[in-house]
């Protein structure tokens, strides 16, 4: 029964990792792909802890940490857009 939930979530994680690796031009796309990785891992943790009757406290703790991570990412995005007027990552470094 768990395999029905497991394989799509693993595929979702791998596809979001592929997007993160291949689409590195814009900072917003990278943040969205990282958030998709976090959400797929959250769903994997939730299904694992649900099916094996473990404590659900770790799932809530992971969710709190992922919210903090997304808040830091959005604040970095706002900082980059205000200072460089774009979210292109190639504009941040003069060596590229």
PDB file of N, CA and C in Angstrom:
ATOM      1  N   UNK A   1       0.816  -1.194   0.000  1.00  0.00           N
ATOM      2  CA  UNK A   1       0.000   0.000   0.000  1.00  0.00           C
ATOM      3  C   UNK A   1       0.864   1.264   0.000  1.00  0.00           C
ATOM      4  N   UNK A   2       1.990   1.182   0.679  1.00  0.00           N
ATOM      5  CA  UNK A   2       2.843   2.364   0.757  1.00  0.00           C
ATOM      6  C   UNK A   2       3.513   2.670  -0.572  1.00  0.00           C
ATOM      7  N   UNK A   3       3.689   1.663  -1.424  1.00  0.00           N
ATOM      8  CA  UNK A   3       4.351   1.881  -2.705  1.00  0.00           C
ATOM      9  C   UNK A   3       3.563   2.809  -3.615  1.00  0.00           C
ATOM     10  N   UNK A   4       2.242   2.842  -3.450  1.00  0.00           N
ATOM     11  CA  UNK A   4       1.434   3.745  -4.261  1.00  0.00           C
ATOM     12  C   UNK A   4       1.731   5.205  -3.937  1.00  0.00           C
ATOM     13  N   UNK A   5       2.126   5.471  -2.711  1.00  0.00           N
ATOM     14  CA  UNK A   5       2.473   6.824  -2.313  1.00  0.00           C
ATOM     15  C   UNK A   5       3.964   7.104  -2.487  1.00  0.00           C
ATOM     16  N   UNK A   6       4.748   6.075  -2.395  1.00  0.00           N
ATOM     17  CA  UNK A   6       6.195   6.251  -2.362  1.00  0.00           C
ATOM     18  C   UNK A   6       6.780   6.625  -3.720  1.00  0.00           C
ATOM     19  N   UNK A   7       6.423   5.913  -4.763  1.00  0.00           N
ATOM     20  CA  UNK A   7       7.041   6.134  -6.067  1.00  0.00           C
ATOM     21  C   UNK A   7       6.717   7.497  -6.678  1.00  0.00           C
ATOM     22  N   UNK A   8       5.483   7.985  -6.628  1.00  0.00           N
ATOM     23  CA  UNK A   8       5.257   9.340  -7.170  1.00  0.00           C
ATOM     24  C   UNK A   8       5.982  10.430  -6.383  1.00  0.00           C
ATOM     25  N   UNK A   9       6.112  10.244  -5.079  1.00  0.00           N
ATOM     26  CA  UNK A   9       6.800  11.261  -4.288  1.00  0.00           C
ATOM     27  C   UNK A   9       8.305  11.256  -4.549  1.00  0.00           C
ATOM     28  N   UNK A  10       8.866  10.085  -4.754  1.00  0.00           N
ATOM     29  CA  UNK A  10      10.292  10.013  -5.112  1.00  0.00           C
ATOM     30  C   UNK A  10      10.509  10.615  -6.498  1.00  0.00           C
ATOM     31  N   UNK A  11       9.598  10.343  -7.427  1.00  0.00           N
ATOM     32  CA  UNK A  11       9.709  10.943  -8.757  1.00  0.00           C
ATOM     33  C   UNK A  11       9.566  12.456  -8.699  1.00  0.00           C
ATOM     34  N   UNK A  12       8.691  12.948  -7.835  1.00  0.00           N
ATOM     35  CA  UNK A  12       8.525  14.389  -7.673  1.00  0.00           C
ATOM     36  C   UNK A  12       9.798  15.020  -7.128  1.00  0.00           C
ATOM     37  N   UNK A  13      10.427  14.358  -6.175  1.00  0.00           N
ATOM     38  CA  UNK A  13      11.686  14.865  -5.635  1.00  0.00           C
ATOM     39  C   UNK A  13      12.780  14.875  -6.706  1.00  0.00           C
ATOM     40  N   UNK A  14      12.883  13.796  -7.468  1.00  0.00           N
ATOM     41  CA  UNK A  14      13.928  13.728  -8.500  1.00  0.00           C
ATOM     42  C   UNK A  14      13.694  14.735  -9.617  1.00  0.00           C
ATOM     43  N   UNK A  15      12.439  14.947  -9.998  1.00  0.00           N
ATOM     44  CA  UNK A  15      12.147  15.936 -11.029  1.00  0.00           C
ATOM     45  C   UNK A  15      12.429  17.357 -10.546  1.00  0.00           C
ATOM     46  N   UNK A  16      12.128  17.629  -9.283  1.00  0.00           N
ATOM     47  CA  UNK A  16      12.440  18.958  -8.767  1.00  0.00           C
ATOM     48  C   UNK A  16      13.955  19.159  -8.657  1.00  0.00           C
ATOM     49  N   UNK A  17      14.685  18.102  -8.360  1.00  0.00           N
ATOM     50  CA  UNK A  17      16.141  18.206  -8.333  1.00  0.00           C
ATOM     51  C   UNK A  17      16.688  18.429  -9.746  1.00  0.00           C
ATOM     52  N   UNK A  18      16.072  17.793 -10.726  1.00  0.00           N
ATOM     53  CA  UNK A  18      16.475  17.999 -12.120  1.00  0.00           C
ATOM     54  C   UNK A  18      16.207  19.436 -12.561  1.00  0.00           C
ATOM     55  N   UNK A  19      15.066  19.993 -12.158  1.00  0.00           N
ATOM     56  CA  UNK A  19      14.770  21.385 -12.470  1.00  0.00           C
ATOM     57  C   UNK A  19      15.784  22.306 -11.793  1.00  0.00           C
ATOM     58  N   UNK A  20      16.139  21.997 -10.561  1.00  0.00           N
ATOM     59  CA  UNK A  20      17.119  22.816  -9.843  1.00  0.00           C
ATOM     60  C   UNK A  20      18.478  22.793 -10.534  1.00  0.00           C
ATOM     61  N   UNK A  21      18.859  21.650 -11.069  1.00  0.00           N
ATOM     62  CA  UNK A  21      20.161  21.542 -11.724  1.00  0.00           C
ATOM     63  C   UNK A  21      20.155  22.197 -13.104  1.00  0.00           C
ATOM     64  N   UNK A  22      19.086  22.019 -13.866  1.00  0.00           N
ATOM     65  CA  UNK A  22      19.077  22.478 -15.249  1.00  0.00           C
ATOM     66  C   UNK A  22      18.624  23.927 -15.422  1.00  0.00           C
ATOM     67  N   UNK A  23      17.762  24.412 -14.571  1.00  0.00           N
ATOM     68  CA  UNK A  23      17.204  25.769 -14.721  1.00  0.00           C
ATOM     69  C   UNK A  23      17.777  26.696 -13.654  1.00  0.00           C
ATOM     70  N   UNK A  24      19.035  26.998 -13.760  1.00  0.00           N
ATOM     71  CA  UNK A  24      19.707  27.812 -12.761  1.00  0.00           C
ATOM     72  C   UNK A  24      19.843  29.267 -13.187  1.00  0.00           C
ATOM     73  N   UNK A  25      19.094  29.699 -14.175  1.00  0.00           N
ATOM     74  CA  UNK A  25      19.253  31.056 -14.687  1.00  0.00           C
ATOM     75  C   UNK A  25      18.593  32.081 -13.761  1.00  0.00           C
ATOM     76  N   UNK A  26      17.397  31.786 -13.296  1.00  0.00           N
ATOM     77  CA  UNK A  26      16.660  32.710 -12.437  1.00  0.00           C
ATOM     78  C   UNK A  26      16.629  32.187 -11.012  1.00  0.00           C
ATOM     79  N   UNK A  27      16.757  33.105 -10.075  1.00  0.00           N
ATOM     80  CA  UNK A  27      16.773  32.746  -8.658  1.00  0.00           C
ATOM     81  C   UNK A  27      15.390  32.277  -8.189  1.00  0.00           C
ATOM     82  N   UNK A  28      14.337  32.849  -8.735  1.00  0.00           N
ATOM     83  CA  UNK A  28      12.982  32.466  -8.333  1.00  0.00           C
ATOM     84  C   UNK A  28      12.660  31.027  -8.736  1.00  0.00           C
ATOM     85  N   UNK A  29      13.097  30.608  -9.905  1.00  0.00           N
ATOM     86  CA  UNK A  29      12.867  29.229 -10.342  1.00  0.00           C
ATOM     87  C   UNK A  29      13.635  28.256  -9.454  1.00  0.00           C
ATOM     88  N   UNK A  30      14.830  28.638  -9.050  1.00  0.00           N
ATOM     89  CA  UNK A  30      15.605  27.781  -8.155  1.00  0.00           C
ATOM     90  C   UNK A  30      14.941  27.671  -6.788  1.00  0.00           C
ATOM     91  N   UNK A  31      14.386  28.781  -6.292  1.00  0.00           N
ATOM     92  CA  UNK A  31      13.684  28.735  -5.012  1.00  0.00           C
ATOM     93  C   UNK A  31      12.429  27.869  -5.095  1.00  0.00           C
ATOM     94  N   UNK A  32      11.710  27.971  -6.202  1.00  0.00           N
ATOM     95  CA  UNK A  32      10.494  27.167  -6.350  1.00  0.00           C
ATOM     96  C   UNK A  32      10.817  25.682  -6.458  1.00  0.00           C
ATOM     97  N   UNK A  33      11.896  25.339  -7.142  1.00  0.00           N
ATOM     98  CA  UNK A  33      12.264  23.928  -7.234  1.00  0.00           C
ATOM     99  C   UNK A  33      12.755  23.400  -5.889  1.00  0.00           C
ATOM    100  N   UNK A  34      13.463  24.238  -5.122  1.00  0.00           N
ATOM    101  CA  UNK A  34      13.868  23.802  -3.784  1.00  0.00           C
ATOM    102  C   UNK A  34      12.660  23.634  -2.872  1.00  0.00           C
ATOM    103  N   UNK A  35      11.665  24.492  -3.029  1.00  0.00           N
ATOM    104  CA  UNK A  35      10.452  24.350  -2.223  1.00  0.00           C
ATOM    105  C   UNK A  35       9.688  23.085  -2.612  1.00  0.00           C
ATOM    106  N   UNK A  36       9.712  22.727  -3.881  1.00  0.00           N
ATOM    107  CA  UNK A  36       9.086  21.475  -4.305  1.00  0.00           C
ATOM    108  C   UNK A  36       9.827  20.267  -3.743  1.00  0.00           C
ATOM    109  N   UNK A  37      11.151  20.361  -3.658  1.00  0.00           N
ATOM    110  CA  UNK A  37      11.917  19.294  -3.009  1.00  0.00           C
ATOM    111  C   UNK A  37      11.545  19.158  -1.541  1.00  0.00           C
ATOM    112  N   UNK A  38      11.411  20.285  -0.878  1.00  0.00           N
ATOM    113  CA  UNK A  38      11.066  20.269   0.544  1.00  0.00           C
ATOM    114  C   UNK A  38       9.673  19.692   0.755  1.00  0.00           C
ATOM    115  N   UNK A  39       8.721  20.083  -0.090  1.00  0.00           N
ATOM    116  CA  UNK A  39       7.355  19.573   0.060  1.00  0.00           C
ATOM    117  C   UNK A  39       7.250  18.083  -0.253  1.00  0.00           C
ATOM    118  N   UNK A  40       8.009  17.618  -1.230  1.00  0.00           N
ATOM    119  CA  UNK A  40       7.976  16.184  -1.515  1.00  0.00           C
ATOM    120  C   UNK A  40       8.628  15.386  -0.379  1.00  0.00           C
ATOM    121  N   UNK A  41       9.693  15.922   0.202  1.00  0.00           N
ATOM    122  CA  UNK A  41      10.284  15.254   1.364  1.00  0.00           C
ATOM    123  C   UNK A  41       9.343  15.271   2.563  1.00  0.00           C
ATOM    124  N   UNK A  42       8.595  16.373   2.721  1.00  0.00           N
ATOM    125  CA  UNK A  42       7.606  16.441   3.788  1.00  0.00           C
ATOM    126  C   UNK A  42       6.542  15.361   3.603  1.00  0.00           C
ATOM    127  N   UNK A  43       6.070  15.199   2.382  1.00  0.00           N
ATOM    128  CA  UNK A  43       5.065  14.165   2.117  1.00  0.00           C
ATOM    129  C   UNK A  43       5.643  12.765   2.322  1.00  0.00           C
ATOM    130  N   UNK A  44       6.904  12.569   1.948  1.00  0.00           N
ATOM    131  CA  UNK A  44       7.547  11.275   2.195  1.00  0.00           C
ATOM    132  C   UNK A  44       7.686  10.988   3.684  1.00  0.00           C
ATOM    133  N   UNK A  45       8.105  11.984   4.449  1.00  0.00           N
ATOM    134  CA  UNK A  45       8.198  11.802   5.902  1.00  0.00           C
ATOM    135  C   UNK A  45       6.837  11.504   6.502  1.00  0.00           C
ATOM    136  N   UNK A  46       5.819  12.224   6.032  1.00  0.00           N
ATOM    137  CA  UNK A  46       4.479  12.032   6.580  1.00  0.00           C
ATOM    138  C   UNK A  46       3.964  10.621   6.295  1.00  0.00           C
ATOM    139  N   UNK A  47       4.151  10.146   5.076  1.00  0.00           N
ATOM    140  CA  UNK A  47       3.689   8.787   4.763  1.00  0.00           C
ATOM    141  C   UNK A  47       4.505   7.735   5.508  1.00  0.00           C
ATOM    142  N   UNK A  48       5.795   7.954   5.650  1.00  0.00           N
ATOM    143  CA  UNK A  48       6.620   6.997   6.385  1.00  0.00           C
ATOM    144  C   UNK A  48       6.191   6.918   7.843  1.00  0.00           C
ATOM    145  N   UNK A  49       6.049   8.082   8.485  1.00  0.00           N
ATOM    146  CA  UNK A  49       5.677   8.072   9.900  1.00  0.00           C
ATOM    147  C   UNK A  49       4.247   7.599  10.109  1.00  0.00           C
ATOM    148  N   UNK A  50       3.376   7.824   9.117  1.00  0.00           N
ATOM    149  CA  UNK A  50       1.990   7.369   9.239  1.00  0.00           C
ATOM    150  C   UNK A  50       1.893   5.848   9.116  1.00  0.00           C
ATOM    151  N   UNK A  51       2.578   5.280   8.139  1.00  0.00           N
ATOM    152  CA  UNK A  51       2.445   3.845   7.909  1.00  0.00           C
ATOM    153  C   UNK A  51       3.189   2.999   8.938  1.00  0.00           C
ATOM    154  N   UNK A  52       4.227   3.535   9.543  1.00  0.00           N
ATOM    155  CA  UNK A  52       4.977   2.762  10.526  1.00  0.00           C
ATOM    156  C   UNK A  52       4.698   3.184  11.962  1.00  0.00           C
ATOM    157  N   UNK A  53       3.660   3.993  12.163  1.00  0.00           N
ATOM    158  CA  UNK A  53       3.158   4.393  13.483  1.00  0.00           C
ATOM    159  C   UNK A  53       4.244   5.016  14.355  1.00  0.00           C
ATOM    160  N   UNK A  54       4.989   5.934  13.788  1.00  0.00           N
ATOM    161  CA  UNK A  54       5.984   6.673  14.558  1.00  0.00           C
ATOM    162  C   UNK A  54       5.381   7.984  15.038  1.00  0.00           C
ATOM    163  N   UNK A  55       6.168   8.714  15.786  1.00  0.00           N
ATOM    164  CA  UNK A  55       5.718   9.990  16.334  1.00  0.00           C
ATOM    165  C   UNK A  55       5.610  11.043  15.228  1.00  0.00           C
ATOM    166  N   UNK A  56       4.527  11.795  15.211  1.00  0.00           N
ATOM    167  CA  UNK A  56       4.304  12.814  14.179  1.00  0.00           C
ATOM    168  C   UNK A  56       4.983  14.136  14.516  1.00  0.00           C
ATOM    169  N   UNK A  57       5.627  14.227  15.662  1.00  0.00           N
ATOM    170  CA  UNK A  57       6.285  15.468  16.066  1.00  0.00           C
ATOM    171  C   UNK A  57       7.409  15.845  15.103  1.00  0.00           C
ATOM    172  N   UNK A  58       8.117  14.876  14.579  1.00  0.00           N
ATOM    173  CA  UNK A  58       9.227  15.151  13.669  1.00  0.00           C
ATOM    174  C   UNK A  58       8.740  15.758  12.357  1.00  0.00           C
ATOM    175  N   UNK A  59       7.537  15.382  11.945  1.00  0.00           N
ATOM    176  CA  UNK A  59       6.972  15.942  10.719  1.00  0.00           C
ATOM    177  C   UNK A  59       6.670  17.419  10.917  1.00  0.00           C
ATOM    178  N   UNK A  60       6.115  17.773  12.058  1.00  0.00           N
ATOM    179  CA  UNK A  60       5.820  19.175  12.349  1.00  0.00           C
ATOM    180  C   UNK A  60       7.112  19.976  12.490  1.00  0.00           C
ATOM    181  N   UNK A  61       8.113  19.399  13.111  1.00  0.00           N
ATOM    182  CA  UNK A  61       9.404  20.067  13.250  1.00  0.00           C
ATOM    183  C   UNK A  61      10.038  20.313  11.877  1.00  0.00           C
ATOM    184  N   UNK A  62       9.945  19.343  10.982  1.00  0.00           N
ATOM    185  CA  UNK A  62      10.463  19.520   9.626  1.00  0.00           C
ATOM    186  C   UNK A  62       9.686  20.599   8.888  1.00  0.00           C
ATOM    187  N   UNK A  63       8.382  20.652   9.086  1.00  0.00           N
ATOM    188  CA  UNK A  63       7.568  21.674   8.435  1.00  0.00           C
ATOM    189  C   UNK A  63       7.940  23.069   8.925  1.00  0.00           C
ATOM    190  N   UNK A  64       8.209  23.214  10.208  1.00  0.00           N
ATOM    191  CA  UNK A  64       8.626  24.509  10.752  1.00  0.00           C
ATOM    192  C   UNK A  64       9.967  24.924  10.163  1.00  0.00           C
ATOM    193  N   UNK A  65      10.906  23.997  10.057  1.00  0.00           N
ATOM    194  CA  UNK A  65      12.215  24.325   9.478  1.00  0.00           C
ATOM    195  C   UNK A  65      12.100  24.677   7.996  1.00  0.00           C
ATOM    196  N   UNK A  66      11.194  24.031   7.280  1.00  0.00           N
ATOM    197  CA  UNK A  66      11.029  24.351   5.860  1.00  0.00           C
ATOM    198  C   UNK A  66      10.388  25.717   5.677  1.00  0.00           C
ATOM    199  N   UNK A  67       9.512  26.119   6.584  1.00  0.00           N
ATOM    200  CA  UNK A  67       8.929  27.461   6.518  1.00  0.00           C
ATOM    201  C   UNK A  67      10.008  28.512   6.772  1.00  0.00           C
ATOM    202  N   UNK A  68      10.883  28.257   7.707  1.00  0.00           N
ATOM    203  CA  UNK A  68      11.992  29.187   7.970  1.00  0.00           C
ATOM    204  C   UNK A  68      12.919  29.274   6.767  1.00  0.00           C
ATOM    205  N   UNK A  69      13.161  28.152   6.124  1.00  0.00           N
ATOM    206  CA  UNK A  69      14.021  28.135   4.936  1.00  0.00           C
ATOM    207  C   UNK A  69      13.392  28.918   3.792  1.00  0.00           C
ATOM    208  N   UNK A  70      12.097  28.798   3.615  1.00  0.00           N
ATOM    209  CA  UNK A  70      11.441  29.534   2.533  1.00  0.00           C
ATOM    210  C   UNK A  70      11.391  31.025   2.837  1.00  0.00           C
ATOM    211  N   UNK A  71      11.256  31.403   4.107  1.00  0.00           N
ATOM    212  CA  UNK A  71      11.277  32.827   4.462  1.00  0.00           C
ATOM    213  C   UNK A  71      12.646  33.439   4.190  1.00  0.00           C
ATOM    214  N   UNK A  72      13.708  32.700   4.475  1.00  0.00           N
ATOM    215  CA  UNK A  72      15.061  33.189   4.185  1.00  0.00           C
ATOM    216  C   UNK A  72      15.268  33.307   2.676  1.00  0.00           C
ATOM    217  N   UNK A  73      14.767  32.347   1.923  1.00  0.00           N
ATOM    218  CA  UNK A  73      14.889  32.401   0.468  1.00  0.00           C
ATOM    219  C   UNK A  73      14.149  33.577  -0.136  1.00  0.00           C
ATOM    220  N   UNK A  74      12.948  33.850   0.362  1.00  0.00           N
ATOM    221  CA  UNK A  74      12.207  34.989  -0.159  1.00  0.00           C
ATOM    222  C   UNK A  74      12.840  36.316   0.225  1.00  0.00           C
ATOM    223  N   UNK A  75      13.413  36.386   1.407  1.00  0.00           N
ATOM    224  CA  UNK A  75      14.099  37.622   1.785  1.00  0.00           C
ATOM    225  C   UNK A  75      15.350  37.831   0.928  1.00  0.00           C
ATOM    226  N   UNK A  76      16.053  36.756   0.597  1.00  0.00           N
ATOM    227  CA  UNK A  76      17.198  36.879  -0.323  1.00  0.00           C
ATOM    228  C   UNK A  76      16.747  37.302  -1.712  1.00  0.00           C
ATOM    229  N   UNK A  77      15.599  36.800  -2.161  1.00  0.00           N
ATOM    230  CA  UNK A  77      15.077  37.190  -3.465  1.00  0.00           C
ATOM    231  C   UNK A  77      14.738  38.674  -3.487  1.00  0.00           C
ATOM    232  N   UNK A  78      14.107  39.170  -2.436  1.00  0.00           N
ATOM    233  CA  UNK A  78      13.778  40.590  -2.360  1.00  0.00           C
ATOM    234  C   UNK A  78      15.055  41.430  -2.333  1.00  0.00           C
ATOM    235  N   UNK A  79      16.052  40.986  -1.602  1.00  0.00           N
ATOM    236  CA  UNK A  79      17.324  41.712  -1.536  1.00  0.00           C
ATOM    237  C   UNK A  79      18.004  41.763  -2.896  1.00  0.00           C
ATOM    238  N   UNK A  80      17.998  40.652  -3.616  1.00  0.00           N
ATOM    239  CA  UNK A  80      18.634  40.607  -4.938  1.00  0.00           C
ATOM    240  C   UNK A  80      17.891  41.484  -5.931  1.00  0.00           C
ATOM    241  N   UNK A  81      16.566  41.434  -5.895  1.00  0.00           N
ATOM    242  CA  UNK A  81      15.787  42.233  -6.846  1.00  0.00           C
ATOM    243  C   UNK A  81      15.938  43.720  -6.550  1.00  0.00           C
ATOM    244  N   UNK A  82      15.981  44.097  -5.288  1.00  0.00           N
ATOM    245  CA  UNK A  82      16.139  45.517  -4.953  1.00  0.00           C
ATOM    246  C   UNK A  82      17.535  46.043  -5.274  1.00  0.00           C
ATOM    247  N   UNK A  83      18.531  45.220  -5.153  1.00  0.00           N
ATOM    248  CA  UNK A  83      19.888  45.710  -5.401  1.00  0.00           C
ATOM    249  C   UNK A  83      20.299  45.610  -6.865  1.00  0.00           C
ATOM    250  N   UNK A  84      19.866  44.563  -7.568  1.00  0.00           N
ATOM    251  CA  UNK A  84      20.301  44.354  -8.958  1.00  0.00           C
ATOM    252  C   UNK A  84      19.172  44.508  -9.974  1.00  0.00           C
ATOM    253  N   UNK A  85      17.951  44.777  -9.524  1.00  0.00           N
ATOM    254  CA  UNK A  85      16.774  45.013 -10.368  1.00  0.00           C
ATOM    255  C   UNK A  85      16.399  43.820 -11.238  1.00  0.00           C
ATOM    256  N   UNK A  86      16.850  42.640 -10.885  1.00  0.00           N
ATOM    257  CA  UNK A  86      16.517  41.423 -11.614  1.00  0.00           C
ATOM    258  C   UNK A  86      16.884  40.230 -10.747  1.00  0.00           C
ATOM    259  N   UNK A  87      16.298  39.079 -11.085  1.00  0.00           N
ATOM    260  CA  UNK A  87      16.644  37.871 -10.341  1.00  0.00           C
ATOM    261  C   UNK A  87      17.539  36.944 -11.141  1.00  0.00           C
ATOM    262  N   UNK A  88      18.156  37.460 -12.176  1.00  0.00           N
ATOM    263  CA  UNK A  88      19.103  36.661 -12.947  1.00  0.00           C
ATOM    264  C   UNK A  88      20.359  36.410 -12.120  1.00  0.00           C
ATOM    265  N   UNK A  89      20.755  35.170 -12.026  1.00  0.00           N
ATOM    266  CA  UNK A  89      21.928  34.844 -11.226  1.00  0.00           C
ATOM    267  C   UNK A  89      23.230  35.212 -11.918  1.00  0.00           C
ATOM    268  N   UNK A  90      23.204  35.345 -13.232  1.00  0.00           N
ATOM    269  CA  UNK A  90      24.426  35.699 -13.957  1.00  0.00           C
ATOM    270  C   UNK A  90      24.825  37.153 -13.735  1.00  0.00           C
ATOM    271  N   UNK A  91      23.879  37.989 -13.270  1.00  0.00           N
ATOM    272  CA  UNK A  91      24.195  39.388 -13.012  1.00  0.00           C
ATOM    273  C   UNK A  91      24.878  39.596 -11.664  1.00  0.00           C
ATOM    274  N   UNK A  92      24.849  38.586 -10.798  1.00  0.00           N
ATOM    275  CA  UNK A  92      25.401  38.742  -9.460  1.00  0.00           C
ATOM    276  C   UNK A  92      26.918  38.696  -9.443  1.00  0.00           C
ATOM    277  N   UNK A  93      27.498  37.973 -10.353  1.00  0.00           N
ATOM    278  CA  UNK A  93      28.953  37.833 -10.364  1.00  0.00           C
ATOM    279  C   UNK A  93      29.497  38.374 -11.674  1.00  0.00           C
ATOM    280  N   UNK A  94      30.510  39.203 -11.601  1.00  0.00           N
ATOM    281  CA  UNK A  94      31.091  39.781 -12.802  1.00  0.00           C
ATOM    282  C   UNK A  94      32.011  38.826 -13.528  1.00  0.00           C
ATOM    283  N   UNK A  95      32.373  37.715 -12.898  1.00  0.00           N
ATOM    284  CA  UNK A  95      33.288  36.768 -13.529  1.00  0.00           C
ATOM    285  C   UNK A  95      32.599  35.866 -14.547  1.00  0.00           C
ATOM    286  N   UNK A  96      31.263  35.769 -14.472  1.00  0.00           N
ATOM    287  CA  UNK A  96      30.564  34.888 -15.412  1.00  0.00           C
ATOM    288  C   UNK A  96      30.351  35.647 -16.670  1.00  0.00           C
TER     289      UNK A  96
END
